[in-house]
């Protein structure tokens, strides 16, 4: 019987899955912060949030954040109701919603490239009127090198294990049949909460921020052909 030179017999293949991680200190951060204002009318609520957001953006520019690094990520306007209970003449109690006013919110996603001043930047947002805070994430400005190192480590691990299995079974690795990849960026835990919780005292020390490390991972699946 004649076999095509590229044909693979199932009993001569070895599938290896390998993982690798690379840790790096972050050099940029993304803040998601904004304002939420309530007023009797929709127009007044939108005007209040616009004023506060303008102050926030001016504070960011003063802190060295470029216009291109600020992006509106959410803006909303919603009615606000109070629940009121009433008792009629027969003593029966019932409740109803009563319009109290309107709530307007606006959020920015901000890229900060000077991590040494990150705490001061957060404090300046509070002082400028920011009162909501929904995220702080750290990253690398240029992550390609870290990702590639994780890939190389994963492939090297898979190759070493393939050689081990081949030697243990009295065979040798002939070639790689296929390679697949998965994995990626694993963000560090980020503090969450409301910016209002920060002190607005002008003589306070800047909010302490620790970037820690961020992890880039790679997972490869490699099929090897083994021969005698």
Protein backbone atom coordinates (compact mmCIF):
# COMPACT_ATOMS: atom_id res chain seq x y z
CA UNK A 1 0.00 0.00 0.00
CA UNK A 2 1.30 3.46 -0.91
CA UNK A 3 0.81 6.45 1.43
CA UNK A 4 0.96 10.10 0.50
CA UNK A 5 4.14 11.59 2.04
CA UNK A 6 2.06 14.11 4.03
CA UNK A 7 -0.38 11.55 5.43
CA UNK A 8 -0.42 11.17 9.21
CA UNK A 9 -1.30 7.96 11.01
CA UNK A 10 -3.30 8.67 14.20
CA UNK A 11 -0.96 6.54 16.33
CA UNK A 12 2.05 8.70 15.39
CA UNK A 13 0.70 12.09 16.52
CA UNK A 14 1.10 13.85 19.86
CA UNK A 15 -1.03 16.81 20.97
CA UNK A 16 0.50 19.20 23.49
CA UNK A 17 -1.17 22.19 25.15
CA UNK A 18 1.16 24.68 26.86
CA UNK A 19 0.64 27.90 28.78
CA UNK A 20 2.99 30.74 29.60
CA UNK A 21 2.62 34.06 31.40
CA UNK A 22 4.72 37.22 31.35
CA UNK A 23 4.39 39.94 34.00
CA UNK A 24 5.18 43.59 33.41
CA UNK A 25 4.88 46.80 35.39
CA UNK A 26 2.20 48.96 33.71
CA UNK A 27 3.10 52.28 32.13
CA UNK A 28 -0.40 53.67 31.44
CA UNK A 29 -3.77 53.66 33.18
CA UNK A 30 -7.37 54.13 32.08
CA UNK A 31 -9.77 55.96 34.40
CA UNK A 32 -13.53 55.90 33.98
CA UNK A 33 -14.93 58.84 35.92
CA UNK A 34 -17.67 61.40 35.60
CA UNK A 35 -20.43 63.44 37.12
CA UNK A 36 -24.01 62.84 38.15
CA UNK A 37 -26.27 65.81 38.83
CA UNK A 38 -29.91 66.00 39.90
CA UNK A 39 -32.28 68.95 39.37
CA UNK A 40 -35.98 69.73 39.21
CA UNK A 41 -36.05 69.82 35.41
CA UNK A 42 -34.29 67.91 32.66
CA UNK A 43 -32.79 71.11 31.28
CA UNK A 44 -31.35 72.10 34.65
CA UNK A 45 -29.92 68.61 35.24
CA UNK A 46 -28.21 68.58 31.84
CA UNK A 47 -26.85 72.08 32.39
CA UNK A 48 -25.43 71.11 35.80
CA UNK A 49 -23.67 68.04 34.46
CA UNK A 50 -22.30 70.00 31.50
CA UNK A 51 -20.80 72.60 33.83
CA UNK A 52 -19.24 69.96 36.07
CA UNK A 53 -17.91 67.96 33.12
CA UNK A 54 -16.34 71.07 31.62
CA UNK A 55 -14.53 71.68 34.92
CA UNK A 56 -13.35 68.07 34.97
CA UNK A 57 -11.95 68.27 31.46
CA UNK A 58 -10.16 71.52 32.26
CA UNK A 59 -8.64 69.87 35.34
CA UNK A 60 -7.44 66.94 33.24
CA UNK A 61 -5.85 69.26 30.69
CA UNK A 62 -4.10 71.11 33.52
CA UNK A 63 -2.78 67.74 34.73
CA UNK A 64 -1.24 67.14 31.32
CA UNK A 65 -3.88 64.87 29.77
CA UNK A 66 -4.23 65.47 26.02
CA UNK A 67 -7.60 65.96 24.33
CA UNK A 68 -7.09 62.74 22.33
CA UNK A 69 -6.79 60.79 25.60
CA UNK A 70 -10.27 61.81 26.81
CA UNK A 71 -13.34 60.11 25.40
CA UNK A 72 -16.99 60.34 26.46
CA UNK A 73 -18.02 56.80 27.33
CA UNK A 74 -21.58 57.33 28.54
CA UNK A 75 -24.14 60.11 28.88
CA UNK A 76 -27.65 59.69 30.22
CA UNK A 77 -30.72 61.57 31.46
CA UNK A 78 -33.37 59.83 33.58
CA UNK A 79 -36.39 60.84 35.65
CA UNK A 80 -36.11 60.35 39.41
CA UNK A 81 -39.16 59.25 41.41
CA UNK A 82 -40.01 59.11 45.09
CA UNK A 83 -42.27 56.36 46.41
CA UNK A 84 -45.04 57.89 48.49
CA UNK A 85 -47.49 55.95 50.66
CA UNK A 86 -51.02 57.28 51.18
CA UNK A 87 -53.91 56.21 53.40
CA UNK A 88 -57.48 56.74 52.24
CA UNK A 89 -60.52 57.43 54.44
CA UNK A 90 -61.20 53.74 54.93
CA UNK A 91 -57.69 53.16 56.24
CA UNK A 92 -56.38 51.37 53.19
CA UNK A 93 -52.77 52.17 52.35
CA UNK A 94 -51.43 52.47 48.86
CA UNK A 95 -48.29 53.77 47.23
CA UNK A 96 -47.47 55.71 44.15
CA UNK A 97 -44.46 57.17 42.38
CA UNK A 98 -44.06 60.92 42.42
CA UNK A 99 -41.65 62.64 40.06
CA UNK A 100 -38.90 64.32 42.10
CA UNK A 101 -36.76 65.60 39.24
CA UNK A 102 -34.18 64.43 36.75
CA UNK A 103 -30.73 62.91 37.00
CA UNK A 104 -28.12 63.59 34.32
CA UNK A 105 -24.80 61.77 34.17
CA UNK A 106 -21.76 61.97 31.96
CA UNK A 107 -18.69 59.72 32.02
CA UNK A 108 -15.22 59.98 30.54
CA UNK A 109 -12.67 57.30 29.85
CA UNK A 110 -9.28 58.90 30.37
CA UNK A 111 -5.85 57.59 29.42
CA UNK A 112 -3.15 58.63 31.89
CA UNK A 113 0.45 58.22 30.75
CA UNK A 114 2.15 59.65 33.85
CA UNK A 115 1.46 57.06 36.54
CA UNK A 116 3.50 58.99 39.12
CA UNK A 117 0.81 61.69 39.06
CA UNK A 118 -2.18 59.34 38.87
CA UNK A 119 -3.27 59.92 42.47
CA UNK A 120 -3.06 63.69 42.03
CA UNK A 121 -5.04 63.43 38.79
CA UNK A 122 -7.82 61.55 40.58
CA UNK A 123 -7.89 64.14 43.33
CA UNK A 124 -8.09 66.97 40.80
CA UNK A 125 -11.15 65.32 39.25
CA UNK A 126 -12.91 65.30 42.62
CA UNK A 127 -11.98 68.92 43.27
CA UNK A 128 -13.35 69.85 39.82
CA UNK A 129 -16.75 68.30 40.54
CA UNK A 130 -16.33 64.64 39.62
CA UNK A 131 -18.51 62.44 41.82
CA UNK A 132 -18.67 59.06 40.08
CA UNK A 133 -15.87 56.60 39.57
CA UNK A 134 -16.43 53.23 37.91
CA UNK A 135 -13.07 51.92 36.88
CA UNK A 136 -9.28 52.05 36.96
CA UNK A 137 -7.34 49.69 34.70
CA UNK A 138 -3.62 49.44 34.10
CA UNK A 139 -1.95 48.44 30.82
CA UNK A 140 1.16 48.70 28.66
CA UNK A 141 1.39 51.36 25.98
CA UNK A 142 3.19 48.85 23.73
CA UNK A 143 2.17 45.31 24.73
CA UNK A 144 3.49 43.49 21.64
CA UNK A 145 6.85 42.54 23.18
CA UNK A 146 5.24 41.04 26.30
CA UNK A 147 2.71 39.08 24.24
CA UNK A 148 5.45 37.72 21.96
CA UNK A 149 7.57 36.65 24.93
CA UNK A 150 4.61 34.73 26.36
CA UNK A 151 4.13 33.04 22.97
CA UNK A 152 7.79 32.06 22.75
CA UNK A 153 7.72 30.61 26.26
CA UNK A 154 4.59 28.59 25.53
CA UNK A 155 6.04 27.16 22.31
CA UNK A 156 9.35 26.33 24.02
CA UNK A 157 7.48 24.49 26.78
CA UNK A 158 5.44 22.52 24.23
CA UNK A 159 8.55 21.60 22.25
CA UNK A 160 10.41 20.43 25.36
CA UNK A 161 7.52 18.29 26.48
CA UNK A 162 7.14 16.78 23.02
CA UNK A 163 10.81 15.78 23.05
CA UNK A 164 10.36 14.27 26.51
CA UNK A 165 7.36 12.17 25.46
CA UNK A 166 9.07 11.09 22.26
CA UNK A 167 12.19 9.96 24.14
CA UNK A 168 10.13 8.16 26.76
CA UNK A 169 8.35 6.14 24.04
CA UNK A 170 11.44 5.38 21.99
CA UNK A 171 10.49 7.73 19.18
CA UNK A 172 11.58 11.13 17.93
CA UNK A 173 9.77 14.30 16.88
CA UNK A 174 9.57 14.44 13.11
CA UNK A 175 7.66 17.66 12.48
CA UNK A 176 4.92 20.00 13.65
CA UNK A 177 1.59 19.24 12.03
CA UNK A 178 -0.43 22.22 13.34
CA UNK A 179 -0.34 25.09 15.84
CA UNK A 180 -3.26 26.95 17.44
CA UNK A 181 -3.21 29.85 19.88
CA UNK A 182 -5.40 31.36 22.57
CA UNK A 183 -4.89 33.58 25.59
CA UNK A 184 -4.13 37.25 26.05
CA UNK A 185 -4.15 40.13 28.48
CA UNK A 186 -5.08 39.39 32.09
CA UNK A 187 -5.86 42.70 33.80
CA UNK A 188 -4.82 43.36 37.36
CA UNK A 189 -7.56 43.84 39.96
CA UNK A 190 -8.73 47.45 39.89
CA UNK A 191 -10.30 49.43 42.73
CA UNK A 192 -13.95 50.19 42.12
CA UNK A 193 -16.30 52.57 43.86
CA UNK A 194 -17.57 56.10 43.95
CA UNK A 195 -15.23 59.01 43.62
CA UNK A 196 -17.37 60.84 46.16
CA UNK A 197 -15.82 58.63 48.85
CA UNK A 198 -12.48 60.43 48.42
CA UNK A 199 -11.75 63.39 50.63
CA UNK A 200 -12.08 66.76 48.99
CA UNK A 201 -9.81 68.50 51.49
CA UNK A 202 -7.31 70.73 49.73
CA UNK A 203 -4.51 69.87 52.19
CA UNK A 204 -4.84 66.09 51.78
CA UNK A 205 -2.03 63.96 50.40
CA UNK A 206 -2.69 62.63 46.92
CA UNK A 207 -4.69 59.41 46.78
CA UNK A 208 -2.22 56.47 46.95
CA UNK A 209 -2.34 54.29 43.83
CA UNK A 210 -0.41 51.06 43.24
CA UNK A 211 -0.16 49.74 39.69
CA UNK A 212 1.31 46.37 40.68
CA UNK A 213 1.90 44.10 37.72
CA UNK A 214 -0.18 43.12 34.72
CA UNK A 215 0.00 39.72 33.07
CA UNK A 216 0.00 38.74 29.43
CA UNK A 217 -0.62 35.05 28.77
CA UNK A 218 -0.42 32.74 25.80
CA UNK A 219 -1.76 29.25 25.30
CA UNK A 220 -0.69 27.15 22.34
CA UNK A 221 -1.87 23.79 21.12
CA UNK A 222 0.67 21.96 18.95
CA UNK A 223 0.28 18.64 17.15
CA UNK A 224 3.54 16.81 16.53
CA UNK A 225 4.30 13.84 14.29
CA UNK A 226 6.41 11.17 15.96
CA UNK A 227 8.46 8.58 14.08
CA UNK A 228 10.69 5.66 15.03
